[in-house]
Amino acid sequence: MCSINSSPGHIEQMDKEPLVLGYWKIRGLAEPIRLLLQHLGVNYKEVLYGAEGAEDWFKVKYTLGLDFPNIPYLFDSSFKLTESTAILRYICHKYDAKLLGETVQEMAYVDMLTGMLGDINNFKGRICYEADPAKIPPHILPSLKGKVKDLAKVLEKKKYLLGDKLSYVDFLCMEYLECINDLIEPVFTTYPSLKKHFDTMMSLPNVKKYKTSERFTKDPLSYNGNMARLGGAPLKK
């Protein structure tokens, strides 16, 4: 287990102490949360598990005061939260509620996108973590391709998934599609609208600063755990 400070420090922080984000020492479910925190300039630090094996998490799993012990987790002083979507939504509620959508319709659309992107992530995970490709159910890859195609069509005439408005689902989209592009299918080549969205996200100043930092260039985290067939080792770009 190790702890690192990941605050970009570009704005005055409203909190007296940093948030604490706990997760495996990989990108995984925590990376969209990191991207959101970086974009918002939130002061936070990380506790990364797995450097000495999974046991360093299981040793403390039931000692941290979590109602539903799991990772990723977020500590905000004495408030403790698990489940990645709940963490993303909490950060938005606290620091910029507009990222949840501003109207009832926008919020519902963001909820729909959260579910759809969750499907993409689940299909991606089945492909990456199955040790024997022959055992991947035959519907998984076509289902993934179909969802990605739908997403590309939606983004053809949009800057962000909510049109001209950034929302937290854009960070999910950025991470999941980059992973698929790097490990499974060259979706950024096949669908220019997906590459355009990724480039738009990369143009956000704090995201660009983070994505070009030593976290990615010197000691990059792998997309997945080391038991994955795809993405279990860091990719250096």
Protein backbone atom coordinates (compact mmCIF):
# COMPACT_ATOMS: atom_id res chain seq x y z
CA MET A 1 0.00 0.00 0.00
CA CYS A 2 1.21 3.50 -0.75
CA SER A 3 -0.15 7.01 -0.47
CA ILE A 4 0.51 9.75 -3.01
CA ASN A 5 -0.59 13.34 -3.30
CA SER A 6 -2.30 14.07 -6.60
CA SER A 7 -3.59 17.61 -6.13
CA PRO A 8 -3.05 19.92 -9.12
CA GLY A 9 -3.15 22.87 -6.74
CA HIS A 10 -4.36 25.35 -9.35
CA ILE A 11 -7.20 26.90 -7.33
CA GLU A 12 -7.70 27.81 -3.70
CA GLN A 13 -9.08 24.72 -2.01
CA MET A 14 -12.26 25.14 0.02
CA ASP A 15 -11.53 22.11 2.22
CA LYS A 16 -9.25 22.21 5.23
CA GLU A 17 -7.96 18.73 4.49
CA PRO A 18 -7.67 16.78 1.24
CA LEU A 19 -10.13 14.18 0.11
CA VAL A 20 -8.78 10.64 0.22
CA LEU A 21 -9.35 8.33 -2.74
CA GLY A 22 -8.55 4.66 -2.17
CA TYR A 23 -8.19 2.12 -4.97
CA TRP A 24 -5.96 -0.52 -6.52
CA LYS A 25 -2.71 0.69 -8.07
CA ILE A 26 -4.32 0.70 -11.53
CA ARG A 27 -6.54 3.04 -13.57
CA GLY A 28 -9.70 0.92 -13.51
CA LEU A 29 -12.83 2.37 -11.92
CA ALA A 30 -10.89 5.15 -10.20
CA GLU A 31 -9.53 6.86 -13.30
CA PRO A 32 -12.71 8.78 -14.22
CA ILE A 33 -12.85 9.94 -10.60
CA ARG A 34 -9.23 11.13 -10.82
CA LEU A 35 -9.97 12.95 -14.07
CA LEU A 36 -12.96 14.70 -12.51
CA LEU A 37 -11.02 15.70 -9.39
CA GLN A 38 -8.16 16.99 -11.50
CA HIS A 39 -10.49 18.99 -13.73
CA LEU A 40 -12.13 20.62 -10.72
CA GLY A 41 -8.83 21.35 -9.01
CA VAL A 42 -9.85 19.49 -5.87
CA ASN A 43 -7.15 18.84 -3.29
CA TYR A 44 -6.93 15.09 -2.79
CA LYS A 45 -4.51 12.32 -2.04
CA GLU A 46 -4.57 8.66 -2.96
CA VAL A 47 -4.10 5.43 -1.07
CA LEU A 48 -3.12 2.80 -3.61
CA TYR A 49 -3.39 -0.90 -2.80
CA GLY A 50 -1.88 -3.94 -4.44
CA ALA A 51 1.79 -3.02 -4.67
CA GLU A 52 2.51 -5.97 -2.35
CA GLY A 53 -0.46 -8.02 -3.55
CA ALA A 54 -4.19 -7.90 -2.89
CA GLU A 55 -3.71 -8.75 0.79
CA ASP A 56 -2.78 -5.16 1.67
CA TRP A 57 -6.38 -4.17 0.87
CA PHE A 58 -8.04 -7.19 2.47
CA LYS A 59 -6.10 -6.60 5.70
CA VAL A 60 -7.77 -3.21 6.17
CA LYS A 61 -11.05 -3.69 4.28
CA TYR A 62 -13.20 -4.02 7.39
CA THR A 63 -11.24 -1.60 9.58
CA LEU A 64 -11.92 1.68 7.76
CA GLY A 65 -15.44 2.38 8.97
CA LEU A 66 -17.07 1.83 5.57
CA ASP A 67 -20.72 0.78 5.63
CA PHE A 68 -20.22 -1.20 2.43
CA PRO A 69 -16.49 -1.98 2.25
CA ASN A 70 -15.20 -1.78 -1.29
CA ILE A 71 -12.86 0.16 -3.51
CA PRO A 72 -12.81 2.77 -4.84
CA TYR A 73 -13.67 4.63 -1.67
CA LEU A 74 -13.70 8.35 -0.91
CA PHE A 75 -13.12 9.95 2.47
CA ASP A 76 -14.21 13.55 2.95
CA SER A 77 -13.15 14.17 6.54
CA SER A 78 -15.46 11.87 8.54
CA PHE A 79 -17.80 11.19 5.60
CA LYS A 80 -17.01 7.90 3.89
CA LEU A 81 -18.40 6.69 0.60
CA THR A 82 -18.01 3.69 -1.73
CA GLU A 83 -19.32 2.84 -5.23
CA SER A 84 -17.73 4.69 -8.14
CA THR A 85 -20.86 6.36 -9.52
CA ALA A 86 -21.90 7.59 -6.08
CA ILE A 87 -18.40 9.05 -5.64
CA LEU A 88 -18.55 10.84 -9.00
CA ARG A 89 -21.96 12.27 -8.20
CA TYR A 90 -20.92 13.36 -4.71
CA ILE A 91 -17.92 15.25 -6.09
CA CYS A 92 -20.19 17.01 -8.58
CA HIS A 93 -22.77 17.88 -5.91
CA LYS A 94 -20.06 19.37 -3.73
CA TYR A 95 -17.91 21.22 -6.26
CA ASP A 96 -19.94 21.83 -9.43
CA ALA A 97 -23.52 20.54 -9.55
CA LYS A 98 -23.87 21.63 -13.18
CA LEU A 99 -21.82 18.55 -14.10
CA LEU A 100 -24.87 16.46 -13.14
CA GLY A 101 -27.08 18.28 -15.66
CA GLU A 102 -29.02 21.46 -15.05
CA THR A 103 -32.58 20.46 -15.96
CA VAL A 104 -34.67 17.42 -15.13
CA GLN A 105 -34.25 16.23 -18.72
CA GLU A 106 -30.47 16.74 -18.68
CA MET A 107 -30.13 14.90 -15.39
CA ALA A 108 -32.19 12.01 -16.74
CA TYR A 109 -30.05 11.94 -19.89
CA VAL A 110 -26.89 11.83 -17.77
CA ASP A 111 -28.38 8.94 -15.78
CA MET A 112 -29.09 7.11 -19.03
CA LEU A 113 -25.55 7.71 -20.26
CA THR A 114 -24.16 6.46 -16.95
CA GLY A 115 -25.99 3.17 -17.45
CA MET A 116 -25.01 2.87 -21.11
CA LEU A 117 -21.33 3.61 -20.38
CA GLY A 118 -21.52 1.08 -17.56
CA ASP A 119 -22.58 -1.51 -20.13
CA ILE A 120 -19.58 -0.56 -22.28
CA ASN A 121 -17.28 -0.92 -19.30
CA ASN A 122 -18.74 -4.31 -18.40
CA PHE A 123 -18.30 -5.63 -21.96
CA LYS A 124 -14.77 -4.23 -22.00
CA GLY A 125 -14.00 -5.95 -18.72
CA ARG A 126 -15.25 -9.32 -19.94
CA ILE A 127 -12.91 -9.10 -22.93
CA CYS A 128 -9.89 -7.87 -20.98
CA TYR A 129 -10.13 -10.23 -18.01
CA GLU A 130 -11.06 -13.52 -19.71
CA ALA A 131 -7.84 -15.54 -19.78
CA ASP A 132 -9.01 -17.67 -22.71
CA PRO A 133 -10.45 -15.60 -25.59
CA ALA A 134 -12.34 -18.67 -26.80
CA LYS A 135 -14.42 -18.56 -23.61
CA ILE A 136 -15.67 -15.01 -24.17
CA PRO A 137 -19.41 -15.31 -24.92
CA PRO A 138 -19.96 -14.67 -28.63
CA HIS A 139 -22.32 -11.75 -28.05
CA ILE A 140 -19.85 -9.68 -26.00
CA LEU A 141 -17.68 -8.12 -28.73
CA PRO A 142 -20.60 -7.38 -31.11
CA SER A 143 -22.51 -5.85 -28.19
CA LEU A 144 -19.53 -3.66 -27.32
CA LYS A 145 -19.10 -2.58 -30.94
CA GLY A 146 -22.80 -1.77 -31.18
CA LYS A 147 -22.73 0.43 -28.07
CA VAL A 148 -19.59 2.22 -29.27
CA LYS A 149 -21.17 2.84 -32.69
CA ASP A 150 -24.27 4.32 -31.03
CA LEU A 151 -22.06 6.56 -28.88
CA ALA A 152 -20.11 7.73 -31.92
CA LYS A 153 -23.33 8.66 -33.71
CA VAL A 154 -24.53 10.69 -30.71
CA LEU A 155 -21.25 12.62 -30.62
CA GLU A 156 -21.19 13.43 -34.35
CA LYS A 157 -22.87 16.80 -33.77
CA LYS A 158 -21.97 17.37 -30.14
CA LYS A 159 -18.98 18.78 -28.30
CA TYR A 160 -19.82 16.90 -25.12
CA LEU A 161 -22.41 14.22 -24.39
CA LEU A 162 -24.78 16.97 -23.22
CA GLY A 163 -24.12 19.11 -26.27
CA ASP A 164 -22.15 22.20 -25.28
CA LYS A 165 -22.27 21.32 -21.58
CA LEU A 166 -19.61 19.25 -19.86
CA SER A 167 -20.87 16.58 -17.45
CA TYR A 168 -19.28 13.84 -15.38
CA VAL A 169 -20.19 11.19 -17.96
CA ASP A 170 -17.70 12.79 -20.36
CA PHE A 171 -14.91 11.64 -18.03
CA LEU A 172 -16.29 8.09 -18.06
CA CYS A 173 -16.47 8.22 -21.85
CA MET A 174 -12.93 9.55 -22.15
CA GLU A 175 -11.39 6.80 -20.04
CA TYR A 176 -13.43 3.86 -21.33
CA LEU A 177 -12.96 4.73 -25.00
CA GLU A 178 -9.23 5.32 -24.61
CA CYS A 179 -8.92 1.90 -23.00
CA ILE A 180 -10.93 0.22 -25.77
CA ASN A 181 -8.87 2.03 -28.41
CA ASP A 182 -5.59 0.96 -26.83
CA LEU A 183 -6.50 -2.64 -26.00
CA ILE A 184 -9.37 -3.95 -28.12
CA GLU A 185 -10.39 -1.97 -31.22
CA PRO A 186 -9.00 1.20 -32.91
CA VAL A 187 -12.23 3.09 -32.28
CA PHE A 188 -10.60 6.52 -32.59
CA THR A 189 -9.66 5.63 -36.18
CA THR A 190 -13.00 4.04 -37.01
CA TYR A 191 -15.07 6.86 -35.50
CA PRO A 192 -13.64 10.39 -35.85
CA SER A 193 -16.35 11.74 -33.53
CA LEU A 194 -14.92 9.68 -30.65
CA LYS A 195 -11.41 10.98 -31.32
CA LYS A 196 -12.79 14.52 -31.48
CA HIS A 197 -14.46 14.07 -28.09
CA PHE A 198 -11.25 12.66 -26.60
CA ASP A 199 -9.26 15.61 -27.97
CA THR A 200 -11.84 18.04 -26.58
CA MET A 201 -11.47 16.46 -23.15
CA MET A 202 -7.69 16.59 -23.46
CA SER A 203 -7.93 20.32 -24.13
CA LEU A 204 -9.30 20.93 -20.62
CA PRO A 205 -6.26 22.55 -18.95
CA ASN A 206 -6.10 20.44 -15.78
CA VAL A 207 -6.89 17.23 -17.63
CA LYS A 208 -4.10 17.91 -20.11
CA LYS A 209 -1.71 18.72 -17.27
CA TYR A 210 -2.59 15.47 -15.52
CA LYS A 211 -2.53 13.29 -18.64
CA THR A 212 0.93 14.58 -19.60
CA SER A 213 2.34 14.32 -16.07
CA GLU A 214 4.78 11.72 -14.77
CA ARG A 215 1.79 9.59 -13.74
CA PHE A 216 1.48 8.73 -17.45
CA THR A 217 4.99 9.25 -18.80
CA LYS A 218 7.38 8.01 -16.11
CA ASP A 219 5.50 5.44 -14.03
CA PRO A 220 2.14 4.82 -15.75
CA LEU A 221 -0.57 2.77 -14.11
CA SER A 222 -2.00 -0.18 -16.02
CA TYR A 223 -5.61 -0.05 -17.16
CA ASN A 224 -6.43 -3.31 -15.40
CA GLY A 225 -5.20 -5.62 -12.66
CA ASN A 226 -2.28 -7.92 -13.37
CA MET A 227 -4.59 -10.91 -13.78
CA ALA A 228 -6.09 -9.35 -16.93
CA ARG A 229 -5.21 -10.78 -20.32
CA LEU A 230 -5.31 -7.27 -21.80
CA GLY A 231 -4.11 -4.15 -20.03
CA GLY A 232 -2.63 -5.89 -17.02
CA ALA A 233 0.73 -4.19 -17.55
CA PRO A 234 1.39 -0.45 -18.03
CA LEU A 235 1.37 0.96 -21.55
CA LYS A 236 3.96 3.62 -22.29
CA LYS A 237 2.92 5.99 -25.06
